[in-house]
N, C-alpha and C. Protein backbone atom coordinates (compact mmCIF):
# COMPACT_ATOMS: atom_id res chain seq x y z
N UNK A 1 -47.64 38.07 11.22
CA UNK A 1 -48.10 36.66 10.94
C UNK A 1 -46.97 35.89 10.53
N UNK A 2 -46.87 34.75 11.43
CA UNK A 2 -45.76 33.88 11.09
C UNK A 2 -46.18 32.67 10.11
N UNK A 3 -45.21 32.65 9.11
CA UNK A 3 -45.40 31.71 7.99
C UNK A 3 -44.91 30.35 8.27
N UNK A 4 -45.69 29.41 8.03
CA UNK A 4 -45.05 27.94 8.19
C UNK A 4 -44.31 27.65 7.07
N UNK A 5 -43.38 26.64 7.26
CA UNK A 5 -42.54 26.11 6.08
C UNK A 5 -43.57 25.55 5.01
N UNK A 6 -43.15 25.62 3.73
CA UNK A 6 -44.18 25.35 2.75
C UNK A 6 -43.81 23.84 2.03
N UNK A 7 -42.64 23.50 2.08
CA UNK A 7 -42.35 22.18 1.35
C UNK A 7 -42.83 21.09 2.16
N UNK A 8 -43.51 20.03 1.49
CA UNK A 8 -43.99 18.94 2.06
C UNK A 8 -42.88 17.68 1.82
N UNK A 9 -43.10 16.67 2.42
CA UNK A 9 -42.28 15.41 2.21
C UNK A 9 -43.06 14.64 1.13
N UNK A 10 -42.58 13.61 0.66
CA UNK A 10 -43.25 12.86 -0.58
C UNK A 10 -44.48 12.18 -0.04
N UNK A 11 -45.47 12.09 -0.85
CA UNK A 11 -46.66 11.43 -0.34
C UNK A 11 -46.53 9.86 -0.36
N UNK A 12 -45.41 9.41 -1.05
CA UNK A 12 -45.25 7.99 -0.89
C UNK A 12 -44.70 7.65 0.53
N UNK A 13 -44.46 8.69 1.34
CA UNK A 13 -44.14 8.39 2.74
C UNK A 13 -45.25 7.65 3.47
N UNK A 14 -46.42 7.96 3.09
CA UNK A 14 -47.65 7.42 3.68
C UNK A 14 -47.51 5.71 3.48
N UNK A 15 -47.17 5.27 2.23
CA UNK A 15 -47.06 3.75 2.14
C UNK A 15 -46.10 3.33 3.04
N UNK A 16 -44.85 3.91 3.08
CA UNK A 16 -43.77 3.48 3.94
C UNK A 16 -44.18 3.46 5.35
N UNK A 17 -44.82 4.41 5.75
CA UNK A 17 -45.21 4.56 7.26
C UNK A 17 -46.34 3.43 7.54
N UNK A 18 -47.17 3.24 6.58
CA UNK A 18 -48.23 2.25 6.69
C UNK A 18 -47.63 0.98 6.94
N UNK A 19 -46.47 0.52 6.15
CA UNK A 19 -45.86 -0.72 6.24
C UNK A 19 -45.21 -0.79 7.63
N UNK A 20 -44.60 0.23 8.09
CA UNK A 20 -44.07 0.37 9.39
C UNK A 20 -45.20 0.01 10.50
N UNK A 21 -46.33 0.62 10.27
CA UNK A 21 -47.63 0.39 11.00
C UNK A 21 -48.04 -1.05 11.10
N UNK A 22 -47.89 -1.50 9.83
CA UNK A 22 -48.22 -3.16 9.78
C UNK A 22 -47.48 -3.95 10.65
N UNK A 23 -46.18 -3.70 10.51
CA UNK A 23 -45.11 -4.41 11.39
C UNK A 23 -45.50 -4.26 12.85
N UNK A 24 -45.67 -2.98 13.32
CA UNK A 24 -46.02 -2.73 14.53
C UNK A 24 -47.31 -3.36 15.07
N UNK A 25 -48.26 -3.48 14.25
CA UNK A 25 -49.58 -4.06 14.51
C UNK A 25 -49.46 -5.55 14.65
N UNK A 26 -48.60 -6.22 13.73
CA UNK A 26 -48.38 -7.72 13.91
C UNK A 26 -47.82 -8.06 15.30
N UNK A 27 -46.76 -7.19 15.69
CA UNK A 27 -46.27 -7.33 17.08
C UNK A 27 -47.31 -7.22 18.25
N UNK A 28 -48.21 -6.07 18.11
CA UNK A 28 -49.17 -5.96 19.07
C UNK A 28 -50.27 -6.90 19.11
N UNK A 29 -50.53 -7.58 17.90
CA UNK A 29 -51.61 -8.59 17.82
C UNK A 29 -50.96 -9.78 18.38
N UNK A 30 -49.59 -10.12 18.17
CA UNK A 30 -49.17 -11.31 18.84
C UNK A 30 -49.15 -11.20 20.27
N UNK A 31 -48.80 -10.13 20.75
CA UNK A 31 -48.63 -9.88 22.11
C UNK A 31 -50.17 -9.97 22.75
N UNK A 32 -51.05 -9.32 22.09
CA UNK A 32 -52.52 -9.40 22.54
C UNK A 32 -52.98 -10.73 22.53
N UNK A 33 -52.70 -11.52 21.50
CA UNK A 33 -53.13 -12.87 21.27
C UNK A 33 -52.37 -13.90 22.21
N UNK A 34 -51.29 -13.34 22.86
CA UNK A 34 -50.69 -14.45 23.76
C UNK A 34 -51.42 -15.02 24.98
N UNK A 35 -52.53 -14.27 25.08
CA UNK A 35 -53.34 -14.89 26.28
C UNK A 35 -54.25 -16.00 25.77
N UNK A 36 -54.48 -16.34 24.39
CA UNK A 36 -55.26 -17.28 24.06
C UNK A 36 -54.69 -18.66 24.29
N UNK A 37 -53.44 -19.03 24.10
CA UNK A 37 -52.96 -20.34 24.61
C UNK A 37 -53.13 -20.32 26.21
N UNK A 38 -52.84 -19.27 26.92
CA UNK A 38 -52.98 -19.43 28.35
C UNK A 38 -54.43 -19.63 28.74
N UNK A 39 -55.28 -19.03 28.12
CA UNK A 39 -56.76 -19.23 28.55
C UNK A 39 -57.33 -20.64 28.17
N UNK A 40 -56.69 -21.31 27.15
CA UNK A 40 -56.86 -22.68 26.86
C UNK A 40 -56.34 -23.52 27.95
N UNK A 41 -54.98 -23.42 28.21
CA UNK A 41 -54.37 -24.04 29.23
C UNK A 41 -55.02 -24.03 30.64
N UNK A 42 -55.49 -22.68 31.00
CA UNK A 42 -56.04 -22.50 32.30
C UNK A 42 -57.40 -22.26 32.44
N UNK A 43 -58.04 -22.69 31.36
CA UNK A 43 -59.62 -22.60 31.32
C UNK A 43 -60.21 -21.14 31.80
N UNK A 44 -59.51 -20.29 31.20
CA UNK A 44 -60.05 -18.77 31.54
C UNK A 44 -61.15 -18.31 30.61
N UNK A 45 -62.09 -17.53 31.10
CA UNK A 45 -63.18 -17.11 30.25
C UNK A 45 -62.75 -16.40 29.17
N UNK A 46 -63.55 -16.30 28.16
CA UNK A 46 -63.30 -15.73 26.82
C UNK A 46 -63.04 -14.27 26.78
N UNK A 47 -63.70 -13.68 27.90
CA UNK A 47 -63.59 -12.03 28.01
C UNK A 47 -62.24 -11.48 28.21
N UNK A 48 -61.42 -12.47 28.71
CA UNK A 48 -60.04 -12.15 29.01
C UNK A 48 -59.22 -12.02 27.62
N UNK A 49 -59.55 -12.87 26.76
CA UNK A 49 -58.99 -12.70 25.39
C UNK A 49 -59.45 -11.46 24.76
N UNK A 50 -60.79 -11.16 24.77
CA UNK A 50 -61.18 -9.93 24.10
C UNK A 50 -60.66 -8.68 24.88
N UNK A 51 -60.52 -8.75 26.13
CA UNK A 51 -59.76 -7.37 26.79
C UNK A 51 -58.41 -7.35 26.33
N UNK A 52 -57.70 -8.45 26.16
CA UNK A 52 -56.23 -8.30 25.69
C UNK A 52 -56.22 -7.93 24.27
N UNK A 53 -57.19 -8.47 23.41
CA UNK A 53 -56.96 -8.03 21.94
C UNK A 53 -57.55 -6.78 21.59
N UNK A 54 -58.52 -6.06 22.32
CA UNK A 54 -59.13 -4.94 22.00
C UNK A 54 -58.00 -3.91 21.81
N UNK A 55 -57.09 -3.55 22.97
CA UNK A 55 -56.17 -2.64 22.65
C UNK A 55 -55.15 -2.71 21.49
N UNK A 56 -54.79 -3.99 21.22
CA UNK A 56 -54.06 -4.31 20.12
C UNK A 56 -54.73 -3.99 18.92
N UNK A 57 -55.86 -4.33 18.61
CA UNK A 57 -56.61 -4.05 17.38
C UNK A 57 -56.89 -2.50 17.29
N UNK A 58 -57.19 -1.95 18.30
CA UNK A 58 -57.35 -0.46 18.21
C UNK A 58 -55.89 0.33 18.00
N UNK A 59 -54.91 -0.16 18.63
CA UNK A 59 -53.67 0.51 18.38
C UNK A 59 -53.11 0.12 16.79
N UNK A 60 -53.47 -1.00 16.38
CA UNK A 60 -53.25 -1.39 15.09
C UNK A 60 -53.83 -0.50 14.01
N UNK A 61 -55.13 -0.17 14.17
CA UNK A 61 -55.77 0.61 13.31
C UNK A 61 -55.21 1.93 13.27
N UNK A 62 -54.90 2.55 14.59
CA UNK A 62 -54.22 3.79 14.63
C UNK A 62 -52.88 3.83 13.92
N UNK A 63 -52.15 2.92 14.02
CA UNK A 63 -50.84 3.00 13.57
C UNK A 63 -50.74 2.63 12.23
N UNK A 64 -51.63 2.04 11.53
CA UNK A 64 -51.59 1.75 10.04
C UNK A 64 -52.55 2.88 9.30
N UNK A 65 -53.59 3.28 9.78
CA UNK A 65 -54.39 4.13 8.98
C UNK A 65 -54.54 5.67 9.42
N UNK A 66 -54.47 5.84 10.63
CA UNK A 66 -54.68 7.23 11.14
C UNK A 66 -53.40 7.97 11.36
N UNK A 67 -52.49 7.38 12.05
CA UNK A 67 -51.16 8.01 12.33
C UNK A 67 -50.48 8.46 11.19
N UNK A 68 -50.20 7.69 10.19
CA UNK A 68 -49.45 8.19 8.93
C UNK A 68 -49.97 9.42 8.42
N UNK A 69 -51.27 9.49 8.12
CA UNK A 69 -51.98 10.58 7.56
C UNK A 69 -51.74 11.88 8.42
N UNK A 70 -52.04 11.65 9.54
CA UNK A 70 -51.77 12.84 10.53
C UNK A 70 -50.34 13.34 10.44
N UNK A 71 -49.42 12.44 10.41
CA UNK A 71 -47.97 12.83 10.55
C UNK A 71 -47.62 13.57 9.20
N UNK A 72 -48.07 12.98 8.20
CA UNK A 72 -47.76 13.41 6.74
C UNK A 72 -48.38 14.83 6.66
N UNK A 73 -49.53 15.13 7.14
CA UNK A 73 -50.15 16.39 7.01
C UNK A 73 -49.44 17.47 7.72
N UNK A 74 -48.77 17.02 8.83
CA UNK A 74 -48.12 18.15 9.66
C UNK A 74 -46.74 18.38 9.16
N UNK A 75 -45.90 17.47 8.56
CA UNK A 75 -44.58 17.47 8.37
C UNK A 75 -44.22 18.42 7.18
N UNK A 76 -43.53 19.51 7.48
CA UNK A 76 -43.09 20.39 6.43
C UNK A 76 -41.53 20.92 6.78
N UNK A 77 -41.02 21.28 5.73
CA UNK A 77 -39.65 21.98 6.03
C UNK A 77 -39.51 22.94 4.80
N UNK A 78 -38.49 23.82 5.16
CA UNK A 78 -38.05 24.88 4.16
C UNK A 78 -36.60 25.16 4.40
N UNK A 79 -35.76 25.11 3.20
CA UNK A 79 -34.41 25.43 3.34
C UNK A 79 -34.13 26.74 2.74
N UNK A 80 -33.48 27.75 3.58
CA UNK A 80 -33.25 29.08 3.12
C UNK A 80 -31.83 29.20 2.99
N UNK A 81 -31.22 30.31 2.56
CA UNK A 81 -29.91 30.59 2.52
C UNK A 81 -29.19 30.56 3.88
N UNK A 82 -29.86 31.05 4.94
CA UNK A 82 -29.26 31.21 6.37
C UNK A 82 -29.73 30.09 7.34
N UNK A 83 -30.83 29.45 7.01
CA UNK A 83 -31.32 28.55 7.93
C UNK A 83 -32.26 27.33 7.31
N UNK A 84 -32.39 26.39 8.17
CA UNK A 84 -33.33 25.29 7.67
C UNK A 84 -34.45 25.20 8.76
N UNK A 85 -35.92 25.29 8.28
CA UNK A 85 -36.84 25.32 9.16
C UNK A 85 -37.59 24.02 9.15
N UNK A 86 -37.82 23.28 10.20
CA UNK A 86 -38.57 22.00 10.22
C UNK A 86 -39.86 22.24 10.98
N UNK A 87 -41.00 21.54 10.59
CA UNK A 87 -42.11 21.51 11.51
C UNK A 87 -42.67 20.24 11.47
N UNK A 88 -42.91 19.70 12.66
CA UNK A 88 -43.43 18.15 12.78
C UNK A 88 -44.20 18.20 14.06
N UNK A 89 -44.98 17.17 14.20
CA UNK A 89 -45.74 16.91 15.32
C UNK A 89 -47.24 16.98 15.09
N UNK A 90 -48.00 15.97 15.60
CA UNK A 90 -49.57 16.00 15.48
C UNK A 90 -50.27 16.42 16.60
N UNK A 91 -49.91 16.13 17.75
CA UNK A 91 -50.47 16.60 19.08
C UNK A 91 -49.74 17.91 19.41
N UNK A 92 -48.61 17.88 19.46
CA UNK A 92 -47.78 19.05 19.83
C UNK A 92 -46.94 19.38 18.54
N UNK A 93 -47.05 20.60 18.02
CA UNK A 93 -46.34 21.02 16.93
C UNK A 93 -44.95 21.48 17.40
N UNK A 94 -43.95 20.92 16.83
CA UNK A 94 -42.61 21.34 17.09
C UNK A 94 -41.88 22.08 15.73
N UNK A 95 -41.40 23.26 15.95
CA UNK A 95 -40.78 23.97 14.91
C UNK A 95 -39.46 24.34 15.23
N UNK A 96 -38.47 23.95 14.29
CA UNK A 96 -37.17 24.00 14.63
C UNK A 96 -36.45 24.89 13.63
N UNK A 97 -35.51 25.81 13.98
CA UNK A 97 -34.67 26.57 13.04
C UNK A 97 -33.29 25.98 13.27
N UNK A 98 -32.78 25.67 12.22
CA UNK A 98 -31.25 25.12 12.20
C UNK A 98 -30.45 26.26 11.38
N UNK A 99 -29.67 27.09 12.04
CA UNK A 99 -28.82 27.99 11.25
C UNK A 99 -27.76 27.19 10.52
N UNK A 100 -27.51 27.75 9.19
CA UNK A 100 -26.63 27.12 8.47
C UNK A 100 -25.17 27.09 8.85
N UNK A 101 -24.85 28.07 9.79
CA UNK A 101 -23.59 28.17 10.28
C UNK A 101 -23.28 27.09 11.31
N UNK A 102 -24.43 26.51 11.84
CA UNK A 102 -24.33 25.38 12.99
C UNK A 102 -24.34 24.06 12.25
N UNK A 103 -24.56 23.96 11.01
CA UNK A 103 -24.64 22.49 10.27
C UNK A 103 -23.20 22.09 10.08
N UNK A 104 -22.88 20.96 10.67
CA UNK A 104 -21.54 20.30 10.42
C UNK A 104 -21.56 19.25 9.25
N UNK A 105 -22.60 18.52 9.04
CA UNK A 105 -22.51 17.67 7.91
C UNK A 105 -24.01 17.24 7.47
N UNK A 106 -24.28 16.74 6.26
CA UNK A 106 -25.61 16.29 5.92
C UNK A 106 -25.41 14.93 5.21
N UNK A 107 -26.32 14.10 5.63
CA UNK A 107 -26.41 12.71 5.11
C UNK A 107 -27.63 12.43 4.64
N UNK A 108 -27.73 11.40 3.70
CA UNK A 108 -29.00 10.80 3.38
C UNK A 108 -28.98 9.36 3.80
N UNK A 109 -30.06 8.88 4.21
CA UNK A 109 -30.28 7.54 4.82
C UNK A 109 -31.46 6.86 4.28
N UNK A 110 -31.24 5.70 3.89
CA UNK A 110 -32.29 4.83 3.22
C UNK A 110 -32.32 3.43 3.87
N UNK A 111 -33.36 3.03 4.50
CA UNK A 111 -33.60 1.84 5.03
C UNK A 111 -34.32 0.96 3.93
N UNK A 112 -34.58 -0.29 4.22
CA UNK A 112 -35.24 -1.23 3.27
C UNK A 112 -36.70 -0.73 2.90
N UNK A 113 -37.51 -0.28 3.74
CA UNK A 113 -38.85 0.26 3.38
C UNK A 113 -38.67 1.40 2.63
N UNK A 114 -37.99 2.46 3.01
CA UNK A 114 -37.77 3.64 2.18
C UNK A 114 -37.13 3.27 0.79
N UNK A 115 -36.25 2.30 0.79
CA UNK A 115 -35.55 1.88 -0.61
C UNK A 115 -36.69 1.32 -1.56
N UNK A 116 -37.57 0.49 -1.01
CA UNK A 116 -38.75 0.09 -1.73
C UNK A 116 -39.55 1.03 -2.43
N UNK A 117 -39.59 2.16 -1.97
CA UNK A 117 -40.41 3.23 -2.45
C UNK A 117 -39.75 4.35 -2.90
N UNK A 118 -38.42 4.13 -3.07
CA UNK A 118 -37.62 5.18 -3.84
C UNK A 118 -37.41 6.41 -3.01
N UNK A 119 -37.45 6.29 -1.64
CA UNK A 119 -37.33 7.43 -0.78
C UNK A 119 -36.04 7.42 0.01
N UNK A 120 -35.73 8.53 0.57
CA UNK A 120 -34.59 8.64 1.55
C UNK A 120 -34.69 9.68 2.45
N UNK A 121 -34.14 9.68 3.58
CA UNK A 121 -34.28 10.61 4.67
C UNK A 121 -32.84 11.51 4.59
N UNK A 122 -33.12 12.82 4.95
CA UNK A 122 -31.94 13.78 4.91
C UNK A 122 -31.72 14.01 6.47
N UNK A 123 -30.49 13.67 6.91
CA UNK A 123 -30.16 13.94 8.31
C UNK A 123 -28.98 15.16 8.28
N UNK A 124 -29.40 16.13 9.09
CA UNK A 124 -28.66 17.33 9.22
C UNK A 124 -27.95 17.46 10.72
N UNK A 125 -26.68 17.20 10.77
CA UNK A 125 -26.04 17.15 12.03
C UNK A 125 -25.49 18.35 12.41
N UNK A 126 -25.64 18.74 13.58
CA UNK A 126 -25.02 19.90 14.27
C UNK A 126 -24.29 19.49 15.42
N UNK A 127 -23.55 20.32 16.05
CA UNK A 127 -22.78 19.82 17.19
C UNK A 127 -23.68 19.19 18.36
N UNK A 128 -24.85 19.80 18.40
CA UNK A 128 -25.79 19.40 19.55
C UNK A 128 -26.60 18.08 19.26
N UNK A 129 -27.20 18.01 17.94
CA UNK A 129 -28.11 16.85 17.69
C UNK A 129 -28.04 16.73 16.10
N UNK A 130 -29.01 15.73 15.73
CA UNK A 130 -29.25 15.41 14.43
C UNK A 130 -30.62 15.69 14.04
N UNK A 131 -30.86 16.52 13.07
CA UNK A 131 -32.28 16.75 12.67
C UNK A 131 -32.51 15.91 11.29
N UNK A 132 -33.81 15.37 11.23
CA UNK A 132 -34.11 14.64 10.12
C UNK A 132 -35.27 15.18 9.29
N UNK A 133 -35.18 15.12 7.93
CA UNK A 133 -36.26 15.39 7.01
C UNK A 133 -36.55 13.99 6.58
N UNK A 134 -37.70 13.37 6.96
CA UNK A 134 -37.94 12.03 6.58
C UNK A 134 -38.63 11.78 5.13
N UNK A 135 -38.40 10.75 4.57
CA UNK A 135 -39.12 10.18 3.37
C UNK A 135 -39.27 11.27 2.25
N UNK A 136 -38.22 11.76 1.75
CA UNK A 136 -38.06 12.60 0.48
C UNK A 136 -37.89 11.58 -0.74
N UNK A 137 -38.32 12.03 -1.95
CA UNK A 137 -37.88 11.25 -3.11
C UNK A 137 -36.37 11.19 -3.18
N UNK A 138 -35.95 10.11 -3.68
CA UNK A 138 -34.48 10.03 -3.64
C UNK A 138 -33.67 11.07 -4.35
N UNK A 139 -34.24 11.43 -5.38
CA UNK A 139 -33.40 12.43 -6.20
C UNK A 139 -33.44 13.80 -5.43
N UNK A 140 -34.67 14.04 -4.83
CA UNK A 140 -34.83 15.30 -4.08
C UNK A 140 -34.08 15.21 -2.84
N UNK A 141 -33.89 14.12 -2.20
CA UNK A 141 -32.97 14.09 -1.09
C UNK A 141 -31.64 14.28 -1.42
N UNK A 142 -31.03 13.72 -2.60
CA UNK A 142 -29.68 13.92 -2.94
C UNK A 142 -29.40 15.40 -3.16
N UNK A 143 -30.35 15.99 -3.91
CA UNK A 143 -30.22 17.36 -4.33
C UNK A 143 -30.13 18.24 -3.18
N UNK A 144 -31.02 18.04 -2.26
CA UNK A 144 -31.09 18.77 -0.94
C UNK A 144 -29.80 18.67 -0.08
N UNK A 145 -29.34 17.31 0.03
CA UNK A 145 -28.06 17.24 0.74
C UNK A 145 -26.97 17.90 0.17
N UNK A 146 -26.98 17.94 -1.26
CA UNK A 146 -25.87 18.79 -2.02
C UNK A 146 -26.08 20.36 -1.80
N UNK A 147 -27.34 20.69 -1.85
CA UNK A 147 -27.67 22.15 -1.69
C UNK A 147 -27.35 22.69 -0.32
N UNK A 148 -27.77 21.78 0.72
CA UNK A 148 -27.41 22.21 2.17
C UNK A 148 -25.98 22.29 2.28
N UNK A 149 -25.15 21.30 1.78
CA UNK A 149 -23.74 21.30 1.97
C UNK A 149 -23.14 22.56 1.38
N UNK A 150 -23.71 22.94 0.10
CA UNK A 150 -23.09 24.10 -0.46
C UNK A 150 -23.46 25.26 0.18
N UNK A 151 -24.55 25.46 0.88
CA UNK A 151 -25.08 26.62 1.72
C UNK A 151 -24.12 26.76 3.00
N UNK A 152 -23.92 25.46 3.44
CA UNK A 152 -23.01 25.53 4.73
C UNK A 152 -21.63 25.95 4.47
N UNK A 153 -21.16 25.50 3.29
CA UNK A 153 -19.64 26.01 2.88
C UNK A 153 -19.63 27.69 2.77
N UNK A 154 -20.70 28.05 2.12
CA UNK A 154 -20.87 29.50 2.07
C UNK A 154 -21.00 30.18 3.21
N UNK A 155 -21.72 29.62 4.19
CA UNK A 155 -22.01 30.22 5.48
C UNK A 155 -20.70 30.21 6.32
N UNK A 156 -19.81 29.17 6.21
CA UNK A 156 -18.60 29.02 6.78
C UNK A 156 -17.59 30.14 6.29
N UNK A 157 -17.65 30.45 5.02
CA UNK A 157 -16.79 31.35 4.38
C UNK A 157 -17.14 32.85 4.84
N UNK A 158 -18.46 33.15 5.14
CA UNK A 158 -18.71 34.36 5.74
C UNK A 158 -18.34 34.70 7.02
N UNK A 159 -17.89 33.65 7.87
CA UNK A 159 -17.56 33.87 9.18
C UNK A 159 -16.17 34.52 9.44
């Protein structure tokens, strides 16, 4: 039996992701509503406005209420002495193992929305790519950054 990673990201990530969804929704509604002035100028029928607004409203609902919860339910991680395991994805689940020996450096990142909710993301850099654990409590992110750095130094000494 394959065991999933057990550690979840902060539940406050839902609020931060909902704010991101609201920003996306505003852009979508503005784009969808851009047909309203055109329909007034060119005397188009009202159904054109309804057709252009329906996808914007549907995607807005999806990006604010549904997607953040689905994403939070699936995001998990676990840091072990020899590897970091990440699990993410709603439709397609992606599980990644990052060997400690491959970790080059670890950063914390905090944008304005994450900062408002006292959250930070941990970025784990390897030679090939950067892996991210999003929306952890700030203290937990700093502790995790330090802990992974310590494990990386230990893994380097073992080589």
